Amino acid sequence: MSLVHLPLFHSISRASRPVAGKTAASHQLAAISVFRAVENKGGLVRCANTDVSCIIDPYGRIIDRVKDEKGQDTFVQGVISGWVIPLDSKTIFTRCGDWFVWVAIGGTVLCLAIATLQNRKRKY
């Protein structure tokens, strides 16, 4: 059973990917976590060794992040604390999962099959 289907969903994302130096990848991975929080309507706590560590609310707002005195948020040490308040509502994605993707793939395959069959009939 996935954590998403529990009544009070919240998530902890631990990232230990080694990033080659200070690149945009650290902030891109944090942005992906924002989308995970929004699509499941659940708060998310992201902790990382070298990337951005932050707390994200169910609406995708980054509540707090670990920063040093210069304002840098990658390759820093620190601690933050905060609340992740779980919501009782579920998004369509949380309730139904990837069904839309599978329906779209099935429709595409069906359309390609029909187009191929019609093209063969025209040749003969």
Protein backbone atom coordinates (compact mmCIF):
# COMPACT_ATOMS: atom_id res chain seq x y z
CA MET A 1 0.00 0.00 0.00
CA SER A 2 1.35 3.38 -0.95
CA LEU A 3 1.67 6.20 1.56
CA VAL A 4 -0.45 8.34 -0.70
CA HIS A 5 -3.53 6.24 0.07
CA LEU A 6 -3.25 6.72 3.82
CA PRO A 7 -5.83 9.18 5.17
CA LEU A 8 -3.30 11.76 6.38
CA PHE A 9 -0.62 11.88 3.71
CA HIS A 10 2.67 13.59 4.23
CA SER A 11 6.02 12.64 2.87
CA ILE A 12 9.70 12.80 3.64
CA SER A 13 11.99 12.92 0.63
CA ARG A 14 15.59 12.03 1.34
CA ALA A 15 17.94 13.01 -1.45
CA SER A 16 21.50 11.72 -1.38
CA ARG A 17 22.39 12.17 -5.03
CA PRO A 18 25.92 13.46 -5.44
CA VAL A 19 25.73 16.53 -7.66
CA ALA A 20 28.87 17.55 -9.49
CA GLY A 21 29.55 20.90 -7.89
CA LYS A 22 27.15 23.78 -7.48
CA THR A 23 24.83 23.39 -10.45
CA ALA A 24 21.21 24.18 -11.20
CA ALA A 25 20.35 20.51 -10.65
CA SER A 26 19.98 21.04 -6.88
CA HIS A 27 17.26 23.65 -7.36
CA GLN A 28 15.61 21.67 -10.15
CA LEU A 29 15.29 18.63 -7.89
CA ALA A 30 13.77 20.82 -5.18
CA ALA A 31 11.29 22.18 -7.75
CA ILE A 32 10.28 18.63 -8.64
CA SER A 33 9.52 18.04 -4.96
CA VAL A 34 7.19 21.05 -5.04
CA PHE A 35 5.20 19.34 -7.80
CA ARG A 36 5.05 16.09 -5.77
CA ALA A 37 3.56 18.00 -2.85
CA VAL A 38 0.96 19.74 -5.02
CA GLU A 39 -0.10 16.69 -7.04
CA ASN A 40 -0.75 14.71 -3.85
CA LYS A 41 -2.01 17.69 -1.79
CA GLY A 42 0.32 16.72 1.03
CA GLY A 43 3.17 18.45 2.78
CA LEU A 44 6.68 17.32 2.05
CA VAL A 45 9.92 17.51 4.00
CA ARG A 46 12.99 17.30 1.77
CA CYS A 47 16.32 16.53 3.39
CA ALA A 48 19.49 16.30 1.34
CA ASN A 49 23.21 15.93 1.86
CA THR A 50 24.34 18.53 -0.67
CA ASP A 51 21.07 19.69 -2.28
CA VAL A 52 18.33 21.97 -1.00
CA SER A 53 16.73 20.83 2.27
CA CYS A 54 13.30 22.37 2.79
CA ILE A 55 9.75 22.07 4.08
CA ILE A 56 7.00 22.32 1.44
CA ASP A 57 3.32 22.79 2.28
CA PRO A 58 0.47 21.02 0.40
CA TYR A 59 0.02 24.05 -1.86
CA GLY A 60 3.62 23.99 -3.10
CA ARG A 61 4.95 26.88 -1.04
CA ILE A 62 8.44 26.38 0.37
CA ILE A 63 7.90 27.25 4.03
CA ASP A 64 11.53 27.13 5.13
CA ARG A 65 14.87 25.93 3.84
CA VAL A 66 18.32 25.36 5.32
CA LYS A 67 20.56 28.34 4.53
CA ASP A 68 23.92 29.59 5.69
CA GLU A 69 24.72 33.18 6.71
CA LYS A 70 25.36 34.11 3.05
CA GLY A 71 21.93 32.85 1.98
CA GLN A 72 23.32 29.79 0.17
CA ASP A 73 21.09 26.71 0.35
CA THR A 74 23.31 24.04 -1.22
CA PHE A 75 26.37 22.43 0.35
CA VAL A 76 25.43 23.86 3.76
CA GLN A 77 24.91 22.38 7.21
CA GLY A 78 21.95 23.28 9.30
CA VAL A 79 18.71 22.35 10.95
CA ILE A 80 15.17 23.58 10.39
CA SER A 81 12.02 22.64 12.18
CA GLY A 82 8.44 23.19 11.23
CA TRP A 83 5.00 21.68 10.95
CA VAL A 84 3.63 19.63 8.12
CA ILE A 85 -0.12 19.75 8.57
CA PRO A 86 -1.81 16.94 6.66
CA LEU A 87 -4.98 17.75 4.73
CA ASP A 88 -7.97 15.46 4.52
CA SER A 89 -8.68 16.22 0.86
CA LYS A 90 -7.27 14.22 -2.02
CA THR A 91 -6.43 15.32 -5.53
CA ILE A 92 -7.67 13.52 -8.63
CA PHE A 93 -4.15 12.17 -9.11
CA THR A 94 -4.07 10.75 -5.58
CA ARG A 95 -7.50 9.13 -5.97
CA CYS A 96 -7.07 7.74 -9.48
CA GLY A 97 -3.33 7.45 -10.03
CA ASP A 98 -2.00 7.10 -13.55
CA TRP A 99 -5.28 6.01 -15.16
CA PHE A 100 -5.40 9.10 -17.39
CA VAL A 101 -1.96 8.30 -18.79
CA TRP A 102 -2.95 4.70 -19.52
CA VAL A 103 -6.21 5.80 -21.18
CA ALA A 104 -4.26 8.28 -23.32
CA ILE A 105 -1.74 5.61 -24.33
CA GLY A 106 -4.55 3.17 -25.13
CA GLY A 107 -6.35 5.80 -27.21
CA THR A 108 -3.17 6.59 -29.11
CA VAL A 109 -2.52 2.91 -29.86
CA LEU A 110 -6.14 2.47 -30.96
CA CYS A 111 -5.96 5.51 -33.28
CA LEU A 112 -2.68 4.29 -34.78
CA ALA A 113 -4.16 0.82 -35.35
CA ILE A 114 -7.27 2.25 -37.05
CA ALA A 115 -5.15 4.57 -39.23
CA THR A 116 -2.87 1.67 -40.22
CA LEU A 117 -5.84 -0.57 -41.13
CA GLN A 118 -7.49 2.18 -43.17
CA ASN A 119 -4.21 2.87 -44.96
CA ARG A 120 -3.87 -0.84 -45.87
CA LYS A 121 -7.42 -0.97 -47.26
CA ARG A 122 -6.72 2.01 -49.53
CA LYS A 123 -3.62 0.34 -51.02
CA TYR A 124 -5.53 -2.76 -52.12
